[in-house]
């Protein structure tokens, strides 16, 4: 792949890392309609399930309980942490991800061509993490530790009839973090979508709700990928389909916990 989309356009972009977004921020989240744009995705050749801002859009807001406010504050604090390749804690987490992914292989160096085996674009994952921040690494590590079988199945593409040009596992994972942040309206002062409000109810009961939803989404995305018989350049369409399915499940009547989502059953430990 040469890193370009159809028609020769390049899809290389990163998520803006906010600076101290707190409860008093005047940040306005984006409306829920889905479009494709060249300036809102991470990874060469992968375009984004992103959203388009229109000043004329009027959207409702949802009041939060004190507990939900505290949970949202803590989650937004996680979103604000950029990945720092010189930070020993971040280096340790990156090494832990390697060991969880390839326990049988020794990593020669933090900067190594070995990272491409996991689906990073180059020898230094730092450049890919710039799109999702440290939380995107935390999401991958949570997945590897809590659902190791599903993690390995996706990493090694064990299930289904795979395409010749498959999506890169690690970069896809960072993009899933990015998509969930947008879909759930997490950088806003308070949620202005039903999906965002529904998620915060789950999050107030489980501090790991975002990480768990990430795992569910990754597995769902791969299921959509297989059912659509997708190849590399179909990634955007697969992500759109995944987002629609996930939104539908989060708003389904009778769903009280993330474990009640139909797609949770796709995960295995």
C-alpha atoms as a PDB file:
ATOM      1  CA  UNK A   1       0.000   0.000   0.000  1.00  0.00           C
ATOM      2  CA  UNK A   2       1.330   3.438  -0.782  1.00  0.00           C
ATOM      3  CA  UNK A   3      -0.545   5.285   1.915  1.00  0.00           C
ATOM      4  CA  UNK A   4      -3.129   6.914  -0.330  1.00  0.00           C
ATOM      5  CA  UNK A   5      -6.865   6.527  -0.670  1.00  0.00           C
ATOM      6  CA  UNK A   6      -8.861   6.100  -3.840  1.00  0.00           C
ATOM      7  CA  UNK A   7      -8.323   8.895  -6.286  1.00  0.00           C
ATOM      8  CA  UNK A   8      -4.869   9.574  -4.846  1.00  0.00           C
ATOM      9  CA  UNK A   9      -5.985  11.574  -1.823  1.00  0.00           C
ATOM     10  CA  UNK A  10      -3.965  11.078   1.340  1.00  0.00           C
ATOM     11  CA  UNK A  11      -5.685  10.240   4.612  1.00  0.00           C
ATOM     12  CA  UNK A  12      -3.207  11.259   7.291  1.00  0.00           C
ATOM     13  CA  UNK A  13      -4.448  13.130  10.335  1.00  0.00           C
ATOM     14  CA  UNK A  14      -4.487  13.034  14.111  1.00  0.00           C
ATOM     15  CA  UNK A  15      -6.984  13.785  16.842  1.00  0.00           C
ATOM     16  CA  UNK A  16      -6.467  17.124  18.511  1.00  0.00           C
ATOM     17  CA  UNK A  17      -5.304  16.579  22.072  1.00  0.00           C
ATOM     18  CA  UNK A  18      -7.295  19.011  24.193  1.00  0.00           C
ATOM     19  CA  UNK A  19      -5.609  21.074  26.884  1.00  0.00           C
ATOM     20  CA  UNK A  20      -7.269  20.648  30.231  1.00  0.00           C
ATOM     21  CA  UNK A  21     -10.849  20.100  29.121  1.00  0.00           C
ATOM     22  CA  UNK A  22     -12.802  20.277  32.327  1.00  0.00           C
ATOM     23  CA  UNK A  23     -16.389  20.673  33.408  1.00  0.00           C
ATOM     24  CA  UNK A  24     -16.286  24.398  32.708  1.00  0.00           C
ATOM     25  CA  UNK A  25     -14.966  24.093  29.175  1.00  0.00           C
ATOM     26  CA  UNK A  26     -16.780  25.944  26.421  1.00  0.00           C
ATOM     27  CA  UNK A  27     -15.955  23.171  23.962  1.00  0.00           C
ATOM     28  CA  UNK A  28     -18.893  22.177  21.765  1.00  0.00           C
ATOM     29  CA  UNK A  29     -19.042  18.637  20.486  1.00  0.00           C
ATOM     30  CA  UNK A  30     -19.931  17.760  16.955  1.00  0.00           C
ATOM     31  CA  UNK A  31     -23.339  16.736  15.596  1.00  0.00           C
ATOM     32  CA  UNK A  32     -24.098  13.090  15.034  1.00  0.00           C
ATOM     33  CA  UNK A  33     -24.197  12.868  11.253  1.00  0.00           C
ATOM     34  CA  UNK A  34     -21.428  10.816   9.686  1.00  0.00           C
ATOM     35  CA  UNK A  35     -19.205  12.057   6.900  1.00  0.00           C
ATOM     36  CA  UNK A  36     -15.783  11.190   5.543  1.00  0.00           C
ATOM     37  CA  UNK A  37     -12.977  13.687   5.798  1.00  0.00           C
ATOM     38  CA  UNK A  38      -9.259  13.722   5.078  1.00  0.00           C
ATOM     39  CA  UNK A  39      -8.420  15.633   8.263  1.00  0.00           C
ATOM     40  CA  UNK A  40      -9.895  13.449  10.941  1.00  0.00           C
ATOM     41  CA  UNK A  41      -8.288  10.039  10.882  1.00  0.00           C
ATOM     42  CA  UNK A  42      -5.078   8.365  11.796  1.00  0.00           C
ATOM     43  CA  UNK A  43      -3.068   6.136   9.541  1.00  0.00           C
ATOM     44  CA  UNK A  44      -2.148   6.183   5.896  1.00  0.00           C
ATOM     45  CA  UNK A  45      -5.014   4.931   3.778  1.00  0.00           C
ATOM     46  CA  UNK A  46      -7.593   4.836   6.569  1.00  0.00           C
ATOM     47  CA  UNK A  47     -10.293   7.491   6.501  1.00  0.00           C
ATOM     48  CA  UNK A  48     -12.488   8.483   9.394  1.00  0.00           C
ATOM     49  CA  UNK A  49     -15.979   7.962  10.719  1.00  0.00           C
ATOM     50  CA  UNK A  50     -15.959  11.599  11.714  1.00  0.00           C
ATOM     51  CA  UNK A  51     -18.479  14.362  12.175  1.00  0.00           C
ATOM     52  CA  UNK A  52     -19.064  17.747  10.620  1.00  0.00           C
ATOM     53  CA  UNK A  53     -19.643  20.895  12.646  1.00  0.00           C
ATOM     54  CA  UNK A  54     -22.507  23.218  11.751  1.00  0.00           C
ATOM     55  CA  UNK A  55     -23.099  26.268  13.907  1.00  0.00           C
ATOM     56  CA  UNK A  56     -26.812  26.126  13.133  1.00  0.00           C
ATOM     57  CA  UNK A  57     -27.278  22.711  14.735  1.00  0.00           C
ATOM     58  CA  UNK A  58     -29.267  22.783  17.963  1.00  0.00           C
ATOM     59  CA  UNK A  59     -28.812  19.751  20.157  1.00  0.00           C
ATOM     60  CA  UNK A  60     -30.209  18.824  23.557  1.00  0.00           C
ATOM     61  CA  UNK A  61     -28.058  18.471  26.638  1.00  0.00           C
ATOM     62  CA  UNK A  62     -28.468  15.991  29.449  1.00  0.00           C
ATOM     63  CA  UNK A  63     -28.062  16.766  33.130  1.00  0.00           C
ATOM     64  CA  UNK A  64     -25.682  14.533  35.049  1.00  0.00           C
ATOM     65  CA  UNK A  65     -25.768  13.232  38.579  1.00  0.00           C
ATOM     66  CA  UNK A  66     -22.825  14.249  40.794  1.00  0.00           C
ATOM     67  CA  UNK A  67     -21.401  10.733  40.415  1.00  0.00           C
ATOM     68  CA  UNK A  68     -21.677  10.886  36.630  1.00  0.00           C
ATOM     69  CA  UNK A  69     -19.954  14.285  36.633  1.00  0.00           C
ATOM     70  CA  UNK A  70     -17.062  12.897  38.662  1.00  0.00           C
ATOM     71  CA  UNK A  71     -16.755   9.892  36.360  1.00  0.00           C
ATOM     72  CA  UNK A  72     -16.792  12.093  33.270  1.00  0.00           C
ATOM     73  CA  UNK A  73     -14.131  14.355  34.801  1.00  0.00           C
ATOM     74  CA  UNK A  74     -11.851  11.380  35.408  1.00  0.00           C
ATOM     75  CA  UNK A  75     -12.409  10.020  31.930  1.00  0.00           C
ATOM     76  CA  UNK A  76     -11.751  13.406  30.327  1.00  0.00           C
ATOM     77  CA  UNK A  77      -8.528  13.604  32.322  1.00  0.00           C
ATOM     78  CA  UNK A  78      -7.459  10.360  30.684  1.00  0.00           C
ATOM     79  CA  UNK A  79      -8.314  11.759  27.256  1.00  0.00           C
ATOM     80  CA  UNK A  80      -6.059  14.746  27.859  1.00  0.00           C
ATOM     81  CA  UNK A  81      -2.901  12.671  28.361  1.00  0.00           C
ATOM     82  CA  UNK A  82      -0.798  12.552  25.175  1.00  0.00           C
ATOM     83  CA  UNK A  83       1.452   9.601  24.553  1.00  0.00           C
ATOM     84  CA  UNK A  84       5.005  10.532  25.551  1.00  0.00           C
ATOM     85  CA  UNK A  85       7.699   8.201  24.291  1.00  0.00           C
ATOM     86  CA  UNK A  86      10.172   9.599  26.823  1.00  0.00           C
ATOM     87  CA  UNK A  87       7.881   8.920  29.807  1.00  0.00           C
ATOM     88  CA  UNK A  88       9.051   5.758  31.670  1.00  0.00           C
ATOM     89  CA  UNK A  89       5.448   4.895  32.605  1.00  0.00           C
ATOM     90  CA  UNK A  90       4.388   5.061  28.971  1.00  0.00           C
ATOM     91  CA  UNK A  91       7.423   3.045  27.881  1.00  0.00           C
ATOM     92  CA  UNK A  92       6.573   0.391  30.459  1.00  0.00           C
ATOM     93  CA  UNK A  93       2.981   0.208  29.214  1.00  0.00           C
ATOM     94  CA  UNK A  94       4.184  -0.148  25.627  1.00  0.00           C
ATOM     95  CA  UNK A  95       6.519  -2.983  26.630  1.00  0.00           C
ATOM     96  CA  UNK A  96       3.653  -4.635  28.507  1.00  0.00           C
ATOM     97  CA  UNK A  97       1.565  -4.485  25.326  1.00  0.00           C
ATOM     98  CA  UNK A  98       4.314  -6.216  23.376  1.00  0.00           C
ATOM     99  CA  UNK A  99       4.707  -8.972  25.983  1.00  0.00           C
ATOM    100  CA  UNK A 100       0.934  -9.508  26.089  1.00  0.00           C
ATOM    101  CA  UNK A 101       0.816  -9.674  22.290  1.00  0.00           C
ATOM    102  CA  UNK A 102       3.896 -11.807  21.630  1.00  0.00           C
ATOM    103  CA  UNK A 103       4.886 -13.566  24.854  1.00  0.00           C
ATOM    104  CA  UNK A 104       7.073 -15.939  22.869  1.00  0.00           C
ATOM    105  CA  UNK A 105       9.139 -13.166  21.241  1.00  0.00           C
ATOM    106  CA  UNK A 106      11.641 -10.809  22.799  1.00  0.00           C
ATOM    107  CA  UNK A 107      11.409  -7.176  21.696  1.00  0.00           C
ATOM    108  CA  UNK A 108      14.819  -6.010  20.571  1.00  0.00           C
ATOM    109  CA  UNK A 109      14.186  -2.310  21.154  1.00  0.00           C
ATOM    110  CA  UNK A 110      11.396   0.190  21.746  1.00  0.00           C
ATOM    111  CA  UNK A 111      12.137   1.389  18.235  1.00  0.00           C
ATOM    112  CA  UNK A 112      12.154  -1.689  16.054  1.00  0.00           C
ATOM    113  CA  UNK A 113      10.723  -3.079  12.818  1.00  0.00           C
ATOM    114  CA  UNK A 114       9.174  -5.775  15.016  1.00  0.00           C
ATOM    115  CA  UNK A 115       6.314  -3.387  15.825  1.00  0.00           C
ATOM    116  CA  UNK A 116       5.043  -3.772  12.259  1.00  0.00           C
ATOM    117  CA  UNK A 117       4.056  -7.339  13.177  1.00  0.00           C
ATOM    118  CA  UNK A 118       1.396  -5.829  15.449  1.00  0.00           C
ATOM    119  CA  UNK A 119       0.099  -3.496  12.770  1.00  0.00           C
ATOM    120  CA  UNK A 120       1.938  -0.273  13.509  1.00  0.00           C
ATOM    121  CA  UNK A 121       2.890   1.794  10.474  1.00  0.00           C
ATOM    122  CA  UNK A 122       6.584   2.019  11.241  1.00  0.00           C
ATOM    123  CA  UNK A 123       9.277   1.011  13.673  1.00  0.00           C
ATOM    124  CA  UNK A 124       8.168   3.555  16.314  1.00  0.00           C
ATOM    125  CA  UNK A 125       4.543   3.295  17.588  1.00  0.00           C
ATOM    126  CA  UNK A 126       4.884   6.761  19.115  1.00  0.00           C
ATOM    127  CA  UNK A 127       3.932   8.373  15.808  1.00  0.00           C
ATOM    128  CA  UNK A 128       0.672   6.392  15.644  1.00  0.00           C
ATOM    129  CA  UNK A 129      -0.292   7.056  19.258  1.00  0.00           C
ATOM    130  CA  UNK A 130      -0.309  10.797  18.577  1.00  0.00           C
ATOM    131  CA  UNK A 131      -3.784  10.342  17.138  1.00  0.00           C
ATOM    132  CA  UNK A 132      -5.333   8.728  20.185  1.00  0.00           C
ATOM    133  CA  UNK A 133      -3.144   9.667  23.128  1.00  0.00           C
ATOM    134  CA  UNK A 134      -2.098   7.436  26.003  1.00  0.00           C
ATOM    135  CA  UNK A 135      -5.656   6.174  26.470  1.00  0.00           C
ATOM    136  CA  UNK A 136      -5.439   4.350  23.136  1.00  0.00           C
ATOM    137  CA  UNK A 137      -2.497   2.360  24.508  1.00  0.00           C
ATOM    138  CA  UNK A 138      -4.411   1.746  27.736  1.00  0.00           C
ATOM    139  CA  UNK A 139      -7.350   0.448  25.693  1.00  0.00           C
ATOM    140  CA  UNK A 140      -5.192  -2.039  23.807  1.00  0.00           C
ATOM    141  CA  UNK A 141      -3.507  -3.196  26.994  1.00  0.00           C
ATOM    142  CA  UNK A 142      -6.844  -3.628  28.776  1.00  0.00           C
ATOM    143  CA  UNK A 143      -8.083  -5.725  25.858  1.00  0.00           C
ATOM    144  CA  UNK A 144      -4.967  -7.910  25.877  1.00  0.00           C
ATOM    145  CA  UNK A 145      -5.154  -8.539  29.623  1.00  0.00           C
ATOM    146  CA  UNK A 146      -8.897  -9.027  30.080  1.00  0.00           C
ATOM    147  CA  UNK A 147      -9.884 -10.809  26.869  1.00  0.00           C
ATOM    148  CA  UNK A 148      -6.644 -12.462  25.750  1.00  0.00           C
ATOM    149  CA  UNK A 149      -8.294 -15.000  23.449  1.00  0.00           C
ATOM    150  CA  UNK A 150     -10.290 -12.396  21.526  1.00  0.00           C
ATOM    151  CA  UNK A 151      -7.247 -10.109  21.459  1.00  0.00           C
ATOM    152  CA  UNK A 152      -5.041 -12.817  19.987  1.00  0.00           C
ATOM    153  CA  UNK A 153      -7.728 -13.878  17.513  1.00  0.00           C
ATOM    154  CA  UNK A 154      -7.890 -10.336  16.147  1.00  0.00           C
ATOM    155  CA  UNK A 155      -4.145  -9.716  16.268  1.00  0.00           C
ATOM    156  CA  UNK A 156      -3.371 -12.893  14.353  1.00  0.00           C
ATOM    157  CA  UNK A 157      -6.527 -12.735  12.183  1.00  0.00           C
ATOM    158  CA  UNK A 158      -7.547 -16.248  13.197  1.00  0.00           C
ATOM    159  CA  UNK A 159     -11.259 -16.103  12.432  1.00  0.00           C
ATOM    160  CA  UNK A 160     -13.110 -16.110   9.125  1.00  0.00           C
ATOM    161  CA  UNK A 161     -12.001 -15.784   5.527  1.00  0.00           C
ATOM    162  CA  UNK A 162      -9.543 -12.903   5.591  1.00  0.00           C
ATOM    163  CA  UNK A 163      -8.852 -10.404   2.838  1.00  0.00           C
ATOM    164  CA  UNK A 164      -5.570 -10.180   0.962  1.00  0.00           C
ATOM    165  CA  UNK A 165      -5.225  -6.600   2.222  1.00  0.00           C
ATOM    166  CA  UNK A 166      -6.223  -6.739   5.896  1.00  0.00           C
ATOM    167  CA  UNK A 167      -6.647  -3.778   8.251  1.00  0.00           C
ATOM    168  CA  UNK A 168      -3.540  -3.175  10.434  1.00  0.00           C
ATOM    169  CA  UNK A 169      -4.499  -4.361  13.919  1.00  0.00           C
ATOM    170  CA  UNK A 170      -2.779  -1.762  16.099  1.00  0.00           C
ATOM    171  CA  UNK A 171      -3.611   1.288  13.979  1.00  0.00           C
ATOM    172  CA  UNK A 172      -7.205   0.094  13.757  1.00  0.00           C
ATOM    173  CA  UNK A 173      -7.243  -0.060  17.555  1.00  0.00           C
ATOM    174  CA  UNK A 174      -6.181   3.575  17.855  1.00  0.00           C
ATOM    175  CA  UNK A 175      -8.877   4.532  15.369  1.00  0.00           C
ATOM    176  CA  UNK A 176     -11.499   2.738  17.448  1.00  0.00           C
ATOM    177  CA  UNK A 177     -10.514   4.818  20.470  1.00  0.00           C
ATOM    178  CA  UNK A 178     -10.861   7.941  18.333  1.00  0.00           C
ATOM    179  CA  UNK A 179     -14.276   6.889  17.027  1.00  0.00           C
ATOM    180  CA  UNK A 180     -15.660   6.099  20.486  1.00  0.00           C
ATOM    181  CA  UNK A 181     -14.573   9.488  21.852  1.00  0.00           C
ATOM    182  CA  UNK A 182     -16.509  11.187  19.069  1.00  0.00           C
ATOM    183  CA  UNK A 183     -19.533   8.910  19.179  1.00  0.00           C
ATOM    184  CA  UNK A 184     -19.946   9.291  22.943  1.00  0.00           C
ATOM    185  CA  UNK A 185     -19.365  13.065  22.882  1.00  0.00           C
ATOM    186  CA  UNK A 186     -16.742  12.677  25.589  1.00  0.00           C
ATOM    187  CA  UNK A 187     -14.921  15.962  25.063  1.00  0.00           C
ATOM    188  CA  UNK A 188     -18.052  18.010  25.621  1.00  0.00           C
ATOM    189  CA  UNK A 189     -19.011  19.712  28.881  1.00  0.00           C
ATOM    190  CA  UNK A 190     -21.837  17.206  29.174  1.00  0.00           C
ATOM    191  CA  UNK A 191     -23.349  14.749  26.689  1.00  0.00           C
ATOM    192  CA  UNK A 192     -25.624  16.093  24.002  1.00  0.00           C
ATOM    193  CA  UNK A 193     -26.612  12.784  22.451  1.00  0.00           C
ATOM    194  CA  UNK A 194     -28.724   9.937  23.777  1.00  0.00           C
ATOM    195  CA  UNK A 195     -25.840   7.551  23.186  1.00  0.00           C
ATOM    196  CA  UNK A 196     -23.443   9.691  25.214  1.00  0.00           C
ATOM    197  CA  UNK A 197     -25.925  10.006  28.071  1.00  0.00           C
ATOM    198  CA  UNK A 198     -26.596   6.269  28.052  1.00  0.00           C
ATOM    199  CA  UNK A 199     -22.887   5.500  28.209  1.00  0.00           C
ATOM    200  CA  UNK A 200     -22.324   7.718  31.247  1.00  0.00           C
ATOM    201  CA  UNK A 201     -24.898   5.688  33.161  1.00  0.00           C
ATOM    202  CA  UNK A 202     -22.833   2.583  32.485  1.00  0.00           C
ATOM    203  CA  UNK A 203     -19.626   4.418  33.324  1.00  0.00           C
ATOM    204  CA  UNK A 204     -20.927   5.589  36.698  1.00  0.00           C
ATOM    205  CA  UNK A 205     -21.360   1.933  37.639  1.00  0.00           C
ATOM    206  CA  UNK A 206     -18.082   0.708  36.147  1.00  0.00           C
ATOM    207  CA  UNK A 207     -14.949   2.860  35.928  1.00  0.00           C
ATOM    208  CA  UNK A 208     -13.621   0.554  33.211  1.00  0.00           C
ATOM    209  CA  UNK A 209     -16.706   1.022  31.030  1.00  0.00           C
ATOM    210  CA  UNK A 210     -14.834   2.879  28.283  1.00  0.00           C
ATOM    211  CA  UNK A 211     -12.159   0.191  28.098  1.00  0.00           C
ATOM    212  CA  UNK A 212     -14.786  -2.549  28.072  1.00  0.00           C
ATOM    213  CA  UNK A 213     -16.788  -0.814  25.354  1.00  0.00           C
ATOM    214  CA  UNK A 214     -13.558  -0.544  23.378  1.00  0.00           C
ATOM    215  CA  UNK A 215     -13.116  -4.322  23.505  1.00  0.00           C
ATOM    216  CA  UNK A 216     -16.716  -4.877  22.440  1.00  0.00           C
ATOM    217  CA  UNK A 217     -16.319  -2.408  19.582  1.00  0.00           C
ATOM    218  CA  UNK A 218     -13.091  -3.951  18.294  1.00  0.00           C
ATOM    219  CA  UNK A 219     -14.649  -7.403  18.172  1.00  0.00           C
ATOM    220  CA  UNK A 220     -17.817  -6.020  16.574  1.00  0.00           C
ATOM    221  CA  UNK A 221     -15.773  -4.160  13.977  1.00  0.00           C
ATOM    222  CA  UNK A 222     -13.994  -7.360  12.992  1.00  0.00           C
ATOM    223  CA  UNK A 223     -17.332  -9.173  12.730  1.00  0.00           C
ATOM    224  CA  UNK A 224     -18.608  -6.414  10.425  1.00  0.00           C
ATOM    225  CA  UNK A 225     -15.381  -6.609   8.438  1.00  0.00           C
ATOM    226  CA  UNK A 226     -15.896 -10.307   7.797  1.00  0.00           C
ATOM    227  CA  UNK A 227     -19.615 -10.069   7.057  1.00  0.00           C
ATOM    228  CA  UNK A 228     -18.976  -7.280   4.536  1.00  0.00           C
ATOM    229  CA  UNK A 229     -16.089  -9.234   2.960  1.00  0.00           C
ATOM    230  CA  UNK A 230     -14.090  -6.045   3.345  1.00  0.00           C
ATOM    231  CA  UNK A 231     -10.585  -5.188   2.256  1.00  0.00           C
ATOM    232  CA  UNK A 232      -8.220  -2.415   3.310  1.00  0.00           C
ATOM    233  CA  UNK A 233      -9.895   0.422   1.442  1.00  0.00           C
ATOM    234  CA  UNK A 234     -13.309  -0.546   2.859  1.00  0.00           C
ATOM    235  CA  UNK A 235     -12.225   0.281   6.408  1.00  0.00           C
ATOM    236  CA  UNK A 236     -14.228   3.509   6.555  1.00  0.00           C
ATOM    237  CA  UNK A 237     -17.439   1.763   5.487  1.00  0.00           C
ATOM    238  CA  UNK A 238     -16.847  -0.953   8.074  1.00  0.00           C
ATOM    239  CA  UNK A 239     -16.359   1.638  10.815  1.00  0.00           C
ATOM    240  CA  UNK A 240     -19.559   3.438   9.832  1.00  0.00           C
ATOM    241  CA  UNK A 241     -21.463   0.163  10.007  1.00  0.00           C
ATOM    242  CA  UNK A 242     -19.863  -0.660  13.362  1.00  0.00           C
ATOM    243  CA  UNK A 243     -20.805   2.714  14.783  1.00  0.00           C
ATOM    244  CA  UNK A 244     -24.422   2.400  13.691  1.00  0.00           C
ATOM    245  CA  UNK A 245     -24.715  -1.070  15.213  1.00  0.00           C
ATOM    246  CA  UNK A 246     -23.091   0.014  18.461  1.00  0.00           C
ATOM    247  CA  UNK A 247     -25.337   3.065  18.827  1.00  0.00           C
ATOM    248  CA  UNK A 248     -28.370   0.868  18.254  1.00  0.00           C
ATOM    249  CA  UNK A 249     -27.296  -1.593  20.938  1.00  0.00           C
ATOM    250  CA  UNK A 250     -26.491   1.098  23.506  1.00  0.00           C
ATOM    251  CA  UNK A 251     -30.013   2.508  23.132  1.00  0.00           C
ATOM    252  CA  UNK A 252     -31.751  -0.852  23.152  1.00  0.00           C
ATOM    253  CA  UNK A 253     -34.478  -1.278  25.752  1.00  0.00           C
ATOM    254  CA  UNK A 254     -33.526  -3.497  28.658  1.00  0.00           C
ATOM    255  CA  UNK A 255     -29.764  -2.842  28.437  1.00  0.00           C
ATOM    256  CA  UNK A 256     -28.699  -2.032  31.999  1.00  0.00           C
ATOM    257  CA  UNK A 257     -25.029  -2.966  31.783  1.00  0.00           C
ATOM    258  CA  UNK A 258     -22.519  -3.174  28.955  1.00  0.00           C
ATOM    259  CA  UNK A 259     -22.536  -6.923  29.457  1.00  0.00           C
ATOM    260  CA  UNK A 260     -26.166  -6.847  28.250  1.00  0.00           C
ATOM    261  CA  UNK A 261     -25.138  -5.632  24.804  1.00  0.00           C
ATOM    262  CA  UNK A 262     -25.623  -8.354  22.168  1.00  0.00           C
ATOM    263  CA  UNK A 263     -22.088  -7.752  20.861  1.00  0.00           C
ATOM    264  CA  UNK A 264     -20.572  -8.410  24.301  1.00  0.00           C
ATOM    265  CA  UNK A 265     -21.199 -12.100  23.596  1.00  0.00           C
ATOM    266  CA  UNK A 266     -18.609 -11.912  20.814  1.00  0.00           C
ATOM    267  CA  UNK A 267     -15.837 -11.557  23.402  1.00  0.00           C
ATOM    268  CA  UNK A 268     -14.057 -14.512  24.922  1.00  0.00           C
ATOM    269  CA  UNK A 269     -11.363 -14.696  27.551  1.00  0.00           C
END
